[in-house]
Amino acid sequence: MTRLEAPASPAPDSPTTSAEKTWKVNLLYDGDCPLCLREVNFLRKKDAGRGLVKFTDIADLNYSAEENGGVDFETAMGRIHAVLADGTVVKNVEVFQHTYDALGIGWIYAATKWPVIGPIVNKVYDLWADKRLALTGRPSLETVVAQRNEKLACDLEGRCRE
């Protein structure tokens, strides 16, 4: 399984340092992706207000890598990521394993931890992640990143109008 380490010292207002943190998994999702939203809505229902999973929309212009394990927008758009309560960053199918485990429905992804099935599912996910934007009728990753950067620059310069 792929694991990335979070930065050694999170920002002071980072969710990983919050005294009130109850979540086990901070799921970074693309709020502009219709299939991602369907999955998030399903997971929110399973969470049922318990706060076991924190849902962070990377498409929000206020998304901050520093507050989310150091995972920048482009990286998060390329592959699904999550930050565990201990600050560990996980990606790909491992995100679903941790999220579903946290919600008590880990049996749904249990087979993805098996030696033969796991690598196959990971390969299928890699194919999906590579084609996700096109399959959901969106521009390329490069274009999405450029559009976001343009919006951010526009907002900073105070020249944008809705």
C-alpha atoms as a PDB file:
ATOM      1  CA  MET A   1       0.000   0.000   0.000  1.00  0.00           C
ATOM      2  CA  THR A   2       1.181   3.470  -0.788  1.00  0.00           C
ATOM      3  CA  ARG A   3       1.818   5.831   2.103  1.00  0.00           C
ATOM      4  CA  LEU A   4       3.177   9.320   2.103  1.00  0.00           C
ATOM      5  CA  GLU A   5       4.252  11.103   5.249  1.00  0.00           C
ATOM      6  CA  ALA A   6       2.621  14.373   6.204  1.00  0.00           C
ATOM      7  CA  PRO A   7       4.795  17.409   6.922  1.00  0.00           C
ATOM      8  CA  ALA A   8       6.558  17.249  10.287  1.00  0.00           C
ATOM      9  CA  SER A   9       4.906  20.359  11.705  1.00  0.00           C
ATOM     10  CA  PRO A  10       1.368  21.158  10.599  1.00  0.00           C
ATOM     11  CA  ALA A  11       0.105  24.729  10.461  1.00  0.00           C
ATOM     12  CA  PRO A  12      -1.280  26.017  13.790  1.00  0.00           C
ATOM     13  CA  ASP A  13      -4.872  26.046  12.546  1.00  0.00           C
ATOM     14  CA  SER A  14      -4.509  22.734  10.763  1.00  0.00           C
ATOM     15  CA  PRO A  15      -7.245  20.146  11.378  1.00  0.00           C
ATOM     16  CA  THR A  16      -4.513  17.720  12.416  1.00  0.00           C
ATOM     17  CA  THR A  17      -3.786  19.898  15.456  1.00  0.00           C
ATOM     18  CA  SER A  18      -7.352  20.748  16.413  1.00  0.00           C
ATOM     19  CA  ALA A  19      -8.292  19.808  19.975  1.00  0.00           C
ATOM     20  CA  GLU A  20     -11.822  19.027  18.805  1.00  0.00           C
ATOM     21  CA  LYS A  21     -10.801  16.638  16.037  1.00  0.00           C
ATOM     22  CA  THR A  22     -12.945  13.521  16.071  1.00  0.00           C
ATOM     23  CA  TRP A  23     -12.445  12.384  12.505  1.00  0.00           C
ATOM     24  CA  LYS A  24     -10.398   9.335  11.624  1.00  0.00           C
ATOM     25  CA  VAL A  25     -10.067  10.123   7.922  1.00  0.00           C
ATOM     26  CA  ASN A  26      -9.997  13.459   6.109  1.00  0.00           C
ATOM     27  CA  LEU A  27     -11.213  12.517   2.627  1.00  0.00           C
ATOM     28  CA  LEU A  28     -10.013  14.895  -0.096  1.00  0.00           C
ATOM     29  CA  TYR A  29     -12.556  14.789  -2.907  1.00  0.00           C
ATOM     30  CA  ASP A  30     -13.287  16.667  -6.127  1.00  0.00           C
ATOM     31  CA  GLY A  31     -16.546  18.535  -5.586  1.00  0.00           C
ATOM     32  CA  ASP A  32     -16.812  19.228  -9.317  1.00  0.00           C
ATOM     33  CA  CYS A  33     -16.889  15.513 -10.184  1.00  0.00           C
ATOM     34  CA  PRO A  34     -20.423  14.082 -10.352  1.00  0.00           C
ATOM     35  CA  LEU A  35     -19.288  10.521  -9.583  1.00  0.00           C
ATOM     36  CA  CYS A  36     -17.140  11.712  -6.693  1.00  0.00           C
ATOM     37  CA  LEU A  37     -20.099  13.615  -5.264  1.00  0.00           C
ATOM     38  CA  ARG A  38     -22.269  10.510  -5.504  1.00  0.00           C
ATOM     39  CA  GLU A  39     -19.685   8.565  -3.479  1.00  0.00           C
ATOM     40  CA  VAL A  40     -19.292  11.388  -0.946  1.00  0.00           C
ATOM     41  CA  ASN A  41     -23.061  11.625  -0.482  1.00  0.00           C
ATOM     42  CA  PHE A  42     -23.187   7.866   0.144  1.00  0.00           C
ATOM     43  CA  LEU A  43     -20.345   8.125   2.672  1.00  0.00           C
ATOM     44  CA  ARG A  44     -21.934  11.120   4.429  1.00  0.00           C
ATOM     45  CA  LYS A  45     -25.095   9.072   4.918  1.00  0.00           C
ATOM     46  CA  LYS A  46     -23.036   6.229   6.373  1.00  0.00           C
ATOM     47  CA  ASP A  47     -21.226   8.684   8.659  1.00  0.00           C
ATOM     48  CA  ALA A  48     -24.643   9.849   9.882  1.00  0.00           C
ATOM     49  CA  GLY A  49     -23.267  12.944  11.591  1.00  0.00           C
ATOM     50  CA  ARG A  50     -20.768  11.017  13.714  1.00  0.00           C
ATOM     51  CA  GLY A  51     -17.852  13.023  12.321  1.00  0.00           C
ATOM     52  CA  LEU A  52     -15.720   9.943  11.671  1.00  0.00           C
ATOM     53  CA  VAL A  53     -14.875  11.216   8.206  1.00  0.00           C
ATOM     54  CA  LYS A  54     -14.050  14.813   7.392  1.00  0.00           C
ATOM     55  CA  PHE A  55     -14.948  15.683   3.808  1.00  0.00           C
ATOM     56  CA  THR A  56     -12.685  18.265   2.184  1.00  0.00           C
ATOM     57  CA  ASP A  57     -13.614  19.575  -1.250  1.00  0.00           C
ATOM     58  CA  ILE A  58     -10.409  20.213  -3.178  1.00  0.00           C
ATOM     59  CA  ALA A  59     -12.388  22.139  -5.840  1.00  0.00           C
ATOM     60  CA  ASP A  60     -13.179  24.847  -3.295  1.00  0.00           C
ATOM     61  CA  LEU A  61     -10.983  27.860  -4.063  1.00  0.00           C
ATOM     62  CA  ASN A  62     -10.173  28.056  -0.338  1.00  0.00           C
ATOM     63  CA  TYR A  63      -8.661  24.556  -0.372  1.00  0.00           C
ATOM     64  CA  SER A  64      -5.306  24.642   1.402  1.00  0.00           C
ATOM     65  CA  ALA A  65      -2.626  21.988   0.981  1.00  0.00           C
ATOM     66  CA  GLU A  66      -1.068  23.073   4.283  1.00  0.00           C
ATOM     67  CA  GLU A  67      -4.277  22.178   6.112  1.00  0.00           C
ATOM     68  CA  ASN A  68      -4.575  18.838   4.326  1.00  0.00           C
ATOM     69  CA  GLY A  69      -1.372  16.883   4.770  1.00  0.00           C
ATOM     70  CA  GLY A  70       0.558  18.980   2.251  1.00  0.00           C
ATOM     71  CA  VAL A  71      -1.425  17.508  -0.669  1.00  0.00           C
ATOM     72  CA  ASP A  72      -1.596  20.235  -3.321  1.00  0.00           C
ATOM     73  CA  PHE A  73      -4.545  20.692  -5.660  1.00  0.00           C
ATOM     74  CA  GLU A  74      -2.903  19.137  -8.732  1.00  0.00           C
ATOM     75  CA  THR A  75      -1.778  16.057  -6.812  1.00  0.00           C
ATOM     76  CA  ALA A  76      -5.223  15.644  -5.241  1.00  0.00           C
ATOM     77  CA  MET A  77      -6.881  15.974  -8.647  1.00  0.00           C
ATOM     78  CA  GLY A  78      -4.647  13.287 -10.149  1.00  0.00           C
ATOM     79  CA  ARG A  79      -5.411  10.610  -7.561  1.00  0.00           C
ATOM     80  CA  ILE A  80      -7.730  10.454  -4.565  1.00  0.00           C
ATOM     81  CA  HIS A  81      -5.992  11.199  -1.256  1.00  0.00           C
ATOM     82  CA  ALA A  82      -6.898  11.217   2.410  1.00  0.00           C
ATOM     83  CA  VAL A  83      -5.169  12.309   5.580  1.00  0.00           C
ATOM     84  CA  LEU A  84      -5.472   9.983   8.550  1.00  0.00           C
ATOM     85  CA  ALA A  85      -5.907  11.342  12.068  1.00  0.00           C
ATOM     86  CA  ASP A  86      -2.217  10.716  12.804  1.00  0.00           C
ATOM     87  CA  GLY A  87      -1.209  12.877   9.814  1.00  0.00           C
ATOM     88  CA  THR A  88      -0.358  10.028   7.460  1.00  0.00           C
ATOM     89  CA  VAL A  89      -1.348  10.704   3.858  1.00  0.00           C
ATOM     90  CA  VAL A  90      -2.746   7.789   1.856  1.00  0.00           C
ATOM     91  CA  LYS A  91      -3.854   7.617  -1.767  1.00  0.00           C
ATOM     92  CA  ASN A  92      -5.635   5.467  -4.322  1.00  0.00           C
ATOM     93  CA  VAL A  93      -7.638   2.427  -3.177  1.00  0.00           C
ATOM     94  CA  GLU A  94      -6.113   2.677   0.301  1.00  0.00           C
ATOM     95  CA  VAL A  95      -8.221   5.828   0.794  1.00  0.00           C
ATOM     96  CA  PHE A  96     -11.391   3.800   0.352  1.00  0.00           C
ATOM     97  CA  GLN A  97     -10.113   1.045   2.637  1.00  0.00           C
ATOM     98  CA  HIS A  98      -9.491   3.502   5.489  1.00  0.00           C
ATOM     99  CA  THR A  99     -12.667   5.484   4.893  1.00  0.00           C
ATOM    100  CA  TYR A 100     -14.938   2.452   4.755  1.00  0.00           C
ATOM    101  CA  ASP A 101     -13.174   0.914   7.780  1.00  0.00           C
ATOM    102  CA  ALA A 102     -13.717   4.136   9.752  1.00  0.00           C
ATOM    103  CA  LEU A 103     -17.428   4.006   8.951  1.00  0.00           C
ATOM    104  CA  GLY A 104     -17.764   0.359   9.966  1.00  0.00           C
ATOM    105  CA  ILE A 105     -18.383  -0.894   6.430  1.00  0.00           C
ATOM    106  CA  GLY A 106     -14.841  -2.012   5.671  1.00  0.00           C
ATOM    107  CA  TRP A 107     -16.107  -5.382   4.489  1.00  0.00           C
ATOM    108  CA  ILE A 108     -17.013  -3.672   1.191  1.00  0.00           C
ATOM    109  CA  TYR A 109     -13.299  -3.121   0.437  1.00  0.00           C
ATOM    110  CA  ALA A 110     -11.896  -6.086   2.396  1.00  0.00           C
ATOM    111  CA  ALA A 111     -11.069  -8.079  -0.737  1.00  0.00           C
ATOM    112  CA  THR A 112      -8.879  -5.205  -1.978  1.00  0.00           C
ATOM    113  CA  LYS A 113      -6.426  -6.069   0.802  1.00  0.00           C
ATOM    114  CA  TRP A 114      -5.918  -9.612  -0.464  1.00  0.00           C
ATOM    115  CA  PRO A 115      -2.625 -10.397  -2.248  1.00  0.00           C
ATOM    116  CA  VAL A 116      -4.104 -11.268  -5.649  1.00  0.00           C
ATOM    117  CA  ILE A 117      -7.181  -9.049  -5.798  1.00  0.00           C
ATOM    118  CA  GLY A 118      -5.544  -5.942  -4.298  1.00  0.00           C
ATOM    119  CA  PRO A 119      -3.025  -5.362  -7.106  1.00  0.00           C
ATOM    120  CA  ILE A 120      -5.702  -5.926  -9.751  1.00  0.00           C
ATOM    121  CA  VAL A 121      -8.052  -3.414  -8.124  1.00  0.00           C
ATOM    122  CA  ASN A 122      -5.173  -0.938  -7.804  1.00  0.00           C
ATOM    123  CA  LYS A 123      -4.452  -1.261 -11.556  1.00  0.00           C
ATOM    124  CA  VAL A 124      -8.126  -0.743 -12.385  1.00  0.00           C
ATOM    125  CA  TYR A 125      -8.180   2.327 -10.132  1.00  0.00           C
ATOM    126  CA  ASP A 126      -5.049   3.683 -11.883  1.00  0.00           C
ATOM    127  CA  LEU A 127      -6.844   3.387 -15.236  1.00  0.00           C
ATOM    128  CA  TRP A 128      -9.933   5.075 -13.806  1.00  0.00           C
ATOM    129  CA  ALA A 129      -7.909   7.915 -12.255  1.00  0.00           C
ATOM    130  CA  ASP A 130      -6.075   8.528 -15.523  1.00  0.00           C
ATOM    131  CA  LYS A 131      -9.360   8.811 -17.454  1.00  0.00           C
ATOM    132  CA  ARG A 132     -11.670  10.231 -14.753  1.00  0.00           C
ATOM    133  CA  LEU A 133     -11.821  13.791 -16.017  1.00  0.00           C
ATOM    134  CA  ALA A 134     -12.490  12.811 -19.621  1.00  0.00           C
ATOM    135  CA  LEU A 135     -15.064  10.180 -18.602  1.00  0.00           C
ATOM    136  CA  THR A 136     -16.975  12.795 -16.608  1.00  0.00           C
ATOM    137  CA  GLY A 137     -16.901  15.294 -19.488  1.00  0.00           C
ATOM    138  CA  ARG A 138     -14.277  17.607 -18.047  1.00  0.00           C
ATOM    139  CA  PRO A 139     -11.097  19.109 -19.480  1.00  0.00           C
ATOM    140  CA  SER A 140      -7.637  17.641 -18.931  1.00  0.00           C
ATOM    141  CA  LEU A 141      -5.867  17.884 -15.580  1.00  0.00           C
ATOM    142  CA  GLU A 142      -3.549  20.538 -17.005  1.00  0.00           C
ATOM    143  CA  THR A 143      -6.525  22.643 -18.095  1.00  0.00           C
ATOM    144  CA  VAL A 144      -8.335  22.222 -14.761  1.00  0.00           C
ATOM    145  CA  VAL A 145      -5.194  23.309 -12.886  1.00  0.00           C
ATOM    146  CA  ALA A 146      -4.671  26.285 -15.221  1.00  0.00           C
ATOM    147  CA  GLN A 147      -8.313  27.367 -14.823  1.00  0.00           C
ATOM    148  CA  ARG A 148      -8.029  27.157 -11.043  1.00  0.00           C
ATOM    149  CA  ASN A 149      -4.796  29.143 -11.027  1.00  0.00           C
ATOM    150  CA  GLU A 150      -6.451  31.789 -13.194  1.00  0.00           C
ATOM    151  CA  LYS A 151      -9.416  32.030 -10.800  1.00  0.00           C
ATOM    152  CA  LEU A 152      -7.090  32.279  -7.801  1.00  0.00           C
ATOM    153  CA  ALA A 153      -4.990  34.997  -9.458  1.00  0.00           C
ATOM    154  CA  CYS A 154      -8.144  36.837 -10.484  1.00  0.00           C
ATOM    155  CA  ASP A 155      -9.464  36.763  -6.920  1.00  0.00           C
ATOM    156  CA  LEU A 156      -6.125  37.954  -5.513  1.00  0.00           C
ATOM    157  CA  GLU A 157      -6.046  40.869  -7.912  1.00  0.00           C
ATOM    158  CA  GLY A 158      -9.638  41.770  -7.046  1.00  0.00           C
ATOM    159  CA  ARG A 159     -10.648  42.034 -10.692  1.00  0.00           C
ATOM    160  CA  CYS A 160     -13.143  39.186 -10.864  1.00  0.00           C
ATOM    161  CA  ARG A 161     -16.877  39.450 -11.219  1.00  0.00           C
ATOM    162  CA  GLU A 162     -19.361  36.655 -11.078  1.00  0.00           C
END
